[in-house]
Each structure stands twice: as structure tokens, then as C-alpha cells.
Amino acid sequence: MKLFSFLSIVFFLSCISSAKTPVAVTEQEERAWIYYTLPQPHRIAIKRKLVISPDKISICLADDADAVSKNAAELLRDFFVRMT
């Protein structure tokens, strides 16, 4: 759950720092996102998306982050570097 919260915050901060406007998500895209969301929430709706370049995303942790969060952040940083 901590990782999901962490990823949600990263996504949210990336979205508000982007100058782009959200666009509508198709029903097929919404189903695909929900399929890959773990753990499955009781209720979820994904209606809009922002497409941003991986180099516009930064991963930041709290100073007292645990080892799991640090490892997850490093894996995400590596992933975004490869995608750039």
C-alpha cells in the first residue's frame, strides 16, 4: 500500500507540474489501467490522462523513507532513464 501511495503521489505531482491539458480516456484504456492496478480497489474510475515525457518525471522520497521505498524509487528512476 505504501508503494501504491508513493506512485500515486509521484503521478499527481507530475500532472500538476505539466503544462498539458488532460484528455479523455477510452473505455478500453480505463479497463487496461484497472486490470494492472494492484491491489484491486473497491471502486475506481479513470476518466482522463496526461501523456508526459519520462524526463519530466522526478522521484523524491522523504528523508526517513524505508528500504522498500528507496528500492522502489531507484527502480522507477532506472525505468524512466531507459524510457527517455
Protein backbone atom coordinates (compact mmCIF):
# COMPACT_ATOMS: atom_id res chain seq x y z
CA MET A 1 0.00 0.00 0.00
CA LYS A 2 2.88 2.35 0.73
CA LEU A 3 4.23 1.80 -2.77
CA PHE A 4 0.83 2.48 -4.34
CA SER A 5 0.51 5.70 -2.33
CA PHE A 6 4.03 6.66 -3.32
CA LEU A 7 3.28 6.07 -7.02
CA SER A 8 0.03 7.98 -6.78
CA ILE A 9 1.81 10.98 -5.30
CA VAL A 10 4.52 10.86 -7.97
CA PHE A 11 1.89 10.74 -10.70
CA PHE A 12 -0.13 13.54 -9.12
CA LEU A 13 2.88 15.82 -8.75
CA SER A 14 3.95 15.09 -12.30
CA CYS A 15 0.49 16.00 -13.54
CA ILE A 16 0.24 19.33 -11.76
CA SER A 17 3.71 20.34 -12.93
CA SER A 18 2.82 19.59 -16.55
CA ALA A 19 1.51 22.36 -18.76
CA LYS A 20 -0.54 19.91 -20.82
CA THR A 21 -4.29 19.51 -20.60
CA PRO A 22 -5.77 16.13 -19.60
CA VAL A 23 -7.57 14.22 -22.35
CA ALA A 24 -10.40 11.73 -22.10
CA VAL A 25 -9.57 8.07 -21.54
CA THR A 26 -11.32 5.49 -23.71
CA GLU A 27 -13.24 2.69 -22.04
CA GLN A 28 -10.60 0.21 -23.26
CA GLU A 29 -7.76 2.30 -21.74
CA GLU A 30 -9.65 2.56 -18.46
CA ARG A 31 -10.12 -1.23 -18.32
CA ALA A 32 -6.42 -1.77 -19.07
CA TRP A 33 -5.32 0.59 -16.26
CA ILE A 34 -7.72 -1.03 -13.81
CA TYR A 35 -6.52 -4.50 -14.82
CA TYR A 36 -2.93 -3.60 -13.89
CA THR A 37 -3.82 -1.82 -10.63
CA LEU A 38 -2.85 -3.91 -7.60
CA PRO A 39 -4.34 -4.34 -5.13
CA GLN A 40 -7.70 -4.01 -6.82
CA PRO A 41 -9.63 -1.15 -5.21
CA HIS A 42 -13.33 -1.48 -4.34
CA ARG A 43 -14.17 1.45 -6.60
CA ILE A 44 -12.06 3.09 -9.28
CA ALA A 45 -12.67 5.33 -12.25
CA ILE A 46 -10.07 6.66 -14.64
CA LYS A 47 -11.58 9.29 -16.90
CA ARG A 48 -8.67 11.48 -18.01
CA LYS A 49 -4.97 11.13 -18.69
CA LEU A 50 -1.86 13.20 -19.29
CA VAL A 51 0.90 11.98 -21.53
CA ILE A 52 4.23 13.41 -20.47
CA SER A 53 7.83 12.71 -21.35
CA PRO A 54 9.69 10.43 -18.89
CA ASP A 55 12.38 13.09 -18.45
CA LYS A 56 9.74 15.40 -16.91
CA ILE A 57 9.12 12.99 -14.02
CA SER A 58 11.15 13.14 -10.83
CA ILE A 59 11.05 10.68 -7.95
CA CYS A 60 11.54 12.13 -4.46
CA LEU A 61 11.36 10.40 -1.10
CA ALA A 62 11.01 11.60 2.45
CA ASP A 63 14.28 11.68 4.41
CA ASP A 64 13.05 8.85 6.64
CA ALA A 65 11.90 6.56 3.77
CA ASP A 66 12.27 2.84 4.43
CA ALA A 67 14.41 0.46 2.37
CA VAL A 68 11.47 -0.83 0.32
CA SER A 69 10.50 2.69 -0.73
CA LYS A 70 14.11 3.55 -1.56
CA ASN A 71 14.43 0.43 -3.69
CA ALA A 72 11.13 1.15 -5.47
CA ALA A 73 12.22 4.72 -6.17
CA GLU A 74 15.53 3.55 -7.61
CA LEU A 75 13.79 1.01 -9.85
CA LEU A 76 11.43 3.71 -11.11
CA ARG A 77 14.29 6.14 -11.74
CA ASP A 78 16.11 3.47 -13.75
CA PHE A 79 12.93 2.72 -15.70
CA PHE A 80 12.39 6.38 -16.60
CA VAL A 81 16.03 6.78 -17.65
CA ARG A 82 15.64 3.80 -20.00
CA MET A 83 12.42 5.29 -21.42
CA THR A 84 13.99 8.67 -22.18
